[in-house]
N, C-alpha and C. Protein backbone atom coordinates (compact mmCIF):
# COMPACT_ATOMS: atom_id res chain seq x y z
N UNK A 1 11.92 -17.18 -1.81
CA UNK A 1 10.71 -16.93 -1.24
C UNK A 1 9.74 -15.82 -2.18
N UNK A 2 8.32 -16.34 -2.07
CA UNK A 2 7.55 -16.01 -3.17
C UNK A 2 6.25 -14.98 -2.51
N UNK A 3 5.97 -13.86 -3.17
CA UNK A 3 5.19 -12.86 -2.57
C UNK A 3 3.66 -13.83 -3.05
N UNK A 4 3.18 -14.13 -2.14
CA UNK A 4 1.34 -14.80 -2.39
C UNK A 4 0.39 -14.06 -2.23
N UNK A 5 0.27 -12.91 -1.61
CA UNK A 5 -0.85 -12.10 -1.29
C UNK A 5 -0.30 -10.74 -1.05
N UNK A 6 -0.84 -9.60 -2.09
CA UNK A 6 -0.67 -8.07 -1.54
C UNK A 6 -2.27 -7.45 -1.04
N UNK A 7 -2.40 -6.90 0.16
CA UNK A 7 -3.38 -6.23 0.59
C UNK A 7 -3.62 -5.21 0.83
N UNK A 8 -4.05 -4.18 0.31
CA UNK A 8 -4.03 -2.62 0.37
C UNK A 8 -4.92 -2.42 1.24
N UNK A 9 -4.54 -2.23 2.79
CA UNK A 9 -5.29 -2.13 4.08
C UNK A 9 -6.04 -0.74 4.06
N UNK A 10 -5.40 0.54 3.85
CA UNK A 10 -5.84 1.65 3.89
C UNK A 10 -5.41 2.67 2.79
N UNK A 11 -6.18 3.44 2.24
CA UNK A 11 -5.83 4.63 1.18
C UNK A 11 -5.94 5.63 1.79
N UNK A 12 -5.06 6.61 1.43
CA UNK A 12 -5.23 8.23 2.01
C UNK A 12 -5.12 9.08 0.80
N UNK A 13 -6.21 10.00 0.85
CA UNK A 13 -6.02 11.15 -0.18
C UNK A 13 -5.18 12.34 0.20
N UNK A 14 -4.99 12.43 1.30
CA UNK A 14 -4.25 13.65 1.50
C UNK A 14 -2.59 13.32 1.91
N UNK A 15 -1.63 14.02 1.82
CA UNK A 15 -0.23 14.04 2.51
C UNK A 15 0.54 13.17 1.50
N UNK A 16 2.01 12.92 2.14
CA UNK A 16 2.33 12.07 1.48
C UNK A 16 2.38 10.40 1.36
N UNK A 17 1.52 10.21 2.53
CA UNK A 17 1.69 8.67 2.76
C UNK A 17 0.14 8.20 1.58
N UNK A 18 0.20 7.56 0.98
CA UNK A 18 -1.11 7.28 0.12
C UNK A 18 -1.69 5.99 0.58
N UNK A 19 -1.12 4.81 0.95
CA UNK A 19 -1.64 3.39 1.59
C UNK A 19 -0.61 3.09 2.50
N UNK A 20 -1.56 1.99 3.15
CA UNK A 20 -0.74 0.90 4.07
C UNK A 20 -1.03 -0.36 3.64
N UNK A 21 0.26 -1.28 3.36
CA UNK A 21 -0.23 -2.42 2.98
C UNK A 21 0.26 -3.68 3.76
N UNK A 22 -0.44 -4.71 3.32
CA UNK A 22 0.18 -6.07 4.02
C UNK A 22 0.59 -6.85 2.76
N UNK A 23 1.91 -7.63 3.01
CA UNK A 23 2.22 -8.75 2.14
C UNK A 23 2.49 -10.00 2.92
N UNK A 24 2.06 -10.77 2.18
CA UNK A 24 2.12 -12.45 2.62
C UNK A 24 3.26 -13.30 1.82
N UNK A 25 4.05 -13.81 2.22
CA UNK A 25 5.27 -14.59 1.92
C UNK A 25 5.00 -16.18 1.77
N UNK A 26 5.06 -16.83 0.60
CA UNK A 26 4.80 -18.32 0.74
C UNK A 26 3.49 -18.79 1.45
N UNK A 27 2.67 -17.98 1.48
CA UNK A 27 1.28 -18.42 2.25
C UNK A 27 1.47 -18.59 3.71
N UNK A 28 2.68 -18.33 4.19
CA UNK A 28 3.14 -18.48 5.57
C UNK A 28 3.47 -17.45 6.38
N UNK A 29 4.08 -16.10 5.73
CA UNK A 29 4.29 -15.21 6.51
C UNK A 29 4.03 -13.99 5.78
N UNK A 30 3.34 -13.03 7.16
CA UNK A 30 2.62 -11.80 7.05
C UNK A 30 3.51 -10.84 7.43
N UNK A 31 3.60 -9.76 6.61
CA UNK A 31 4.23 -8.61 6.68
C UNK A 31 3.46 -7.24 6.74
N UNK A 32 3.15 -6.54 7.82
CA UNK A 32 1.99 -5.44 7.83
C UNK A 32 3.09 -4.26 7.96
N UNK A 33 2.03 -3.20 7.57
CA UNK A 33 2.39 -1.62 7.53
C UNK A 33 3.72 -1.30 6.85
N UNK A 34 3.71 -1.80 5.59
CA UNK A 34 4.63 -1.24 4.58
C UNK A 34 3.83 0.00 4.07
N UNK A 35 4.36 0.82 3.97
CA UNK A 35 3.98 2.34 3.53
C UNK A 35 4.22 2.71 2.10
N UNK A 36 3.14 3.06 1.41
CA UNK A 36 3.18 3.74 0.13
C UNK A 36 3.46 5.20 0.20
N UNK A 37 4.57 5.99 -0.49
CA UNK A 37 4.53 7.35 -0.16
C UNK A 37 4.79 7.78 -1.36
N UNK A 38 4.18 9.40 -1.72
CA UNK A 38 4.62 9.62 -2.88
C UNK A 38 5.37 11.23 -2.40
N UNK A 39 6.46 11.02 -3.14
CA UNK A 39 7.54 12.22 -2.80
C UNK A 39 8.32 12.54 -4.11
N UNK A 40 8.16 13.92 -4.31
CA UNK A 40 8.91 14.30 -5.56
C UNK A 40 8.36 13.36 -6.85
N UNK A 41 7.02 13.37 -7.03
CA UNK A 41 6.41 12.83 -8.11
C UNK A 41 6.70 11.51 -8.42
N UNK A 42 7.05 10.72 -7.19
CA UNK A 42 7.24 9.30 -7.50
C UNK A 42 6.99 8.59 -6.18
N UNK A 43 5.95 7.06 -6.61
CA UNK A 43 5.80 6.18 -5.38
C UNK A 43 7.01 5.65 -5.22
N UNK A 44 7.09 5.36 -3.79
CA UNK A 44 8.00 4.21 -3.48
C UNK A 44 7.71 3.67 -2.27
N UNK A 45 8.19 2.48 -1.48
CA UNK A 45 7.55 1.85 -0.28
C UNK A 45 8.63 2.29 0.53
N UNK A 46 8.17 2.41 1.80
CA UNK A 46 8.89 2.52 3.41
C UNK A 46 8.39 1.17 4.13
N UNK A 47 9.37 0.80 4.60
CA UNK A 47 9.51 -0.88 5.35
C UNK A 47 8.72 -0.15 6.75
N UNK A 48 8.19 -1.21 7.31
CA UNK A 48 7.63 -0.83 9.03
C UNK A 48 8.97 -0.48 9.83
N UNK A 49 8.77 0.59 10.73
CA UNK A 49 9.92 0.73 11.51
C UNK A 49 9.50 1.11 12.90
N UNK A 50 10.52 1.36 13.84
CA UNK A 50 10.37 2.00 15.27
C UNK A 50 10.99 2.77 15.43
N UNK A 51 10.54 3.70 16.45
CA UNK A 51 11.21 5.06 16.89
C UNK A 51 12.22 4.45 18.07
N UNK A 52 13.62 4.93 17.89
CA UNK A 52 14.56 4.91 18.73
C UNK A 52 14.50 5.79 19.92
N UNK A 53 15.32 5.74 21.13
CA UNK A 53 14.99 6.69 22.00
C UNK A 53 15.70 7.73 21.67
N UNK A 54 16.52 7.82 20.80
CA UNK A 54 17.27 9.23 20.20
C UNK A 54 16.61 9.62 18.97
N UNK A 55 15.13 9.32 18.99
CA UNK A 55 14.39 10.13 18.05
C UNK A 55 14.55 9.59 16.56
N UNK A 56 15.30 8.64 16.44
CA UNK A 56 15.50 8.15 14.90
C UNK A 56 14.59 6.82 14.83
N UNK A 57 14.74 6.66 13.45
CA UNK A 57 13.85 5.21 13.22
C UNK A 57 14.49 4.18 12.70
N UNK A 58 14.08 3.22 12.99
CA UNK A 58 15.19 1.81 12.36
C UNK A 58 13.89 0.84 12.04
N UNK A 59 14.42 0.27 10.62
CA UNK A 59 13.32 -0.65 9.89
C UNK A 59 13.35 -1.73 10.68
N UNK A 60 12.20 -2.48 11.09
CA UNK A 60 11.85 -3.50 11.96
C UNK A 60 12.37 -5.07 11.17
N UNK A 61 12.07 -4.69 9.51
CA UNK A 61 12.43 -5.47 8.54
C UNK A 61 12.34 -5.01 7.34
N UNK A 62 13.75 -5.46 6.34
CA UNK A 62 14.02 -4.75 5.24
C UNK A 62 14.39 -5.99 4.21
N UNK A 63 14.11 -5.82 3.01
CA UNK A 63 15.12 -6.59 1.92
C UNK A 63 16.43 -6.39 2.03
N UNK A 64 17.01 -7.48 1.81
CA UNK A 64 18.64 -7.59 1.85
C UNK A 64 19.23 -6.99 0.95
N UNK A 65 18.58 -7.54 -0.44
CA UNK A 65 19.30 -7.09 -1.66
C UNK A 65 18.24 -6.08 -2.71
N UNK A 66 19.00 -5.67 -3.58
CA UNK A 66 18.12 -4.42 -4.37
C UNK A 66 17.16 -5.19 -5.51
N UNK A 67 17.69 -6.62 -5.58
CA UNK A 67 16.50 -7.34 -6.84
C UNK A 67 15.36 -7.97 -5.78
N UNK A 68 15.54 -8.18 -4.69
CA UNK A 68 14.11 -8.45 -4.03
C UNK A 68 13.39 -7.14 -3.57
N UNK A 69 14.42 -6.05 -3.25
CA UNK A 69 13.31 -5.04 -2.80
C UNK A 69 12.65 -4.47 -4.01
N UNK A 70 13.24 -4.64 -5.12
CA UNK A 70 12.50 -4.07 -6.46
C UNK A 70 11.18 -4.93 -6.65
N UNK A 71 11.62 -6.29 -6.53
CA UNK A 71 10.18 -7.05 -6.36
C UNK A 71 9.29 -7.02 -5.57
N UNK A 72 9.54 -6.62 -4.53
CA UNK A 72 8.52 -6.26 -3.25
C UNK A 72 7.93 -4.83 -3.93
N UNK A 73 8.77 -3.84 -4.09
CA UNK A 73 8.23 -2.66 -4.54
C UNK A 73 7.19 -2.77 -5.82
N UNK A 74 7.41 -3.50 -6.58
CA UNK A 74 6.89 -3.51 -8.00
C UNK A 74 5.35 -4.34 -7.41
N UNK A 75 5.55 -5.31 -6.63
CA UNK A 75 4.36 -5.81 -6.39
C UNK A 75 3.23 -5.31 -5.44
N UNK A 76 3.83 -4.12 -4.54
CA UNK A 76 3.06 -3.29 -3.56
C UNK A 76 2.63 -2.29 -4.41
N UNK A 77 3.34 -1.76 -5.22
CA UNK A 77 2.68 -0.57 -5.92
C UNK A 77 1.72 -1.02 -7.17
N UNK A 78 1.86 -2.28 -7.66
CA UNK A 78 0.81 -2.84 -8.72
C UNK A 78 -0.34 -2.90 -7.71
N UNK A 79 -0.31 -3.14 -6.62
CA UNK A 79 -1.58 -3.52 -5.87
C UNK A 79 -2.11 -2.41 -5.25
N UNK A 80 -1.19 -1.60 -5.19
CA UNK A 80 -1.77 0.11 -4.69
C UNK A 80 -2.58 0.60 -6.04
N UNK A 81 -2.02 0.43 -7.36
CA UNK A 81 -2.61 1.03 -8.35
C UNK A 81 -3.87 0.42 -8.63
N UNK A 82 -3.93 -0.78 -8.53
CA UNK A 82 -5.29 -1.57 -8.60
C UNK A 82 -6.22 -1.18 -7.33
N UNK A 83 -5.76 -1.11 -6.55
CA UNK A 83 -6.86 -0.56 -5.44
C UNK A 83 -7.33 0.70 -5.67
N UNK A 84 -6.60 1.73 -5.97
CA UNK A 84 -6.94 3.18 -6.42
C UNK A 84 -8.03 2.86 -7.70
N UNK A 85 -7.50 2.18 -8.45
CA UNK A 85 -8.69 2.08 -9.51
C UNK A 85 -9.90 1.36 -9.47
N UNK A 86 -10.24 0.44 -8.18
CA UNK A 86 -11.23 -0.19 -7.81
C UNK A 86 -11.76 0.84 -6.88
N UNK A 87 -11.23 1.67 -6.16
CA UNK A 87 -11.72 2.78 -5.29
C UNK A 87 -12.71 4.00 -6.11
N UNK A 88 -11.87 4.07 -7.17
CA UNK A 88 -12.74 5.18 -7.87
C UNK A 88 -13.98 4.59 -8.63
N UNK A 89 -13.89 3.24 -9.18
CA UNK A 89 -14.83 2.65 -9.64
C UNK A 89 -16.08 2.17 -8.69
N UNK A 90 -15.77 2.08 -7.62
CA UNK A 90 -16.87 2.01 -6.53
C UNK A 90 -17.63 3.33 -6.17
N UNK A 91 -16.26 4.06 -6.13
CA UNK A 91 -16.99 5.66 -5.89
C UNK A 91 -18.16 5.97 -6.85
N UNK A 92 -17.76 5.86 -8.35
CA UNK A 92 -18.32 6.38 -9.31
C UNK A 92 -19.70 5.37 -9.65
N UNK A 93 -19.76 4.02 -8.83
CA UNK A 93 -20.82 3.10 -8.93
C UNK A 93 -21.85 3.54 -7.94
N UNK A 94 -21.22 4.07 -6.52
CA UNK A 94 -21.76 4.49 -5.50
C UNK A 94 -22.69 5.89 -5.79
N UNK A 95 -22.25 6.72 -6.76
CA UNK A 95 -22.69 7.95 -7.07
C UNK A 95 -23.63 7.68 -8.05
N UNK A 96 -23.97 6.66 -8.99
CA UNK A 96 -24.82 6.33 -9.82
C UNK A 96 -25.94 5.71 -8.95
N UNK A 97 -25.85 4.77 -8.01
CA UNK A 97 -26.64 4.46 -7.20
C UNK A 97 -27.65 5.28 -6.21
N UNK A 98 -26.64 6.23 -6.00
CA UNK A 98 -27.54 7.29 -5.21
C UNK A 98 -28.02 8.16 -6.18
N UNK A 99 -27.65 8.64 -7.14
CA UNK A 99 -28.51 9.16 -8.21
C UNK A 99 -29.75 8.67 -8.66
N UNK A 100 -29.68 7.05 -8.84
CA UNK A 100 -30.97 6.22 -9.42
C UNK A 100 -32.07 6.36 -8.14
N UNK A 101 -31.53 6.45 -7.10
CA UNK A 101 -32.44 6.42 -5.80
C UNK A 101 -33.00 7.65 -5.66
N UNK A 102 -32.65 8.58 -5.98
CA UNK A 102 -32.98 10.25 -5.79
C UNK A 102 -34.20 10.32 -7.23
N UNK A 103 -33.90 9.40 -7.92
CA UNK A 103 -34.56 9.84 -9.17
C UNK A 103 -36.21 9.05 -8.91
N UNK A 104 -36.19 7.91 -8.17
CA UNK A 104 -37.41 7.06 -7.75
C UNK A 104 -38.21 8.21 -6.77
């Protein structure tokens, strides 16, 4: 199974949750709501889960082995870092465009 697409759906500035991501496998299966979390100075992913009646959470889907989890986490975190860079670049461009408009 190959990861064919990773889309960062939303970025967050505040709190430990930094992004929500969707991943496509083999151009045929989409997995939504993977969370990028920052805790103890480290980024990691949390799989989609649901709340049980006893107030605990259970993953809806998860990797079966450590090798695939590492591959998935690496792909998601790479996409997150790229999205952060693009957001910073876009923010800088927006500020530059705004300054140019004010100068006119």
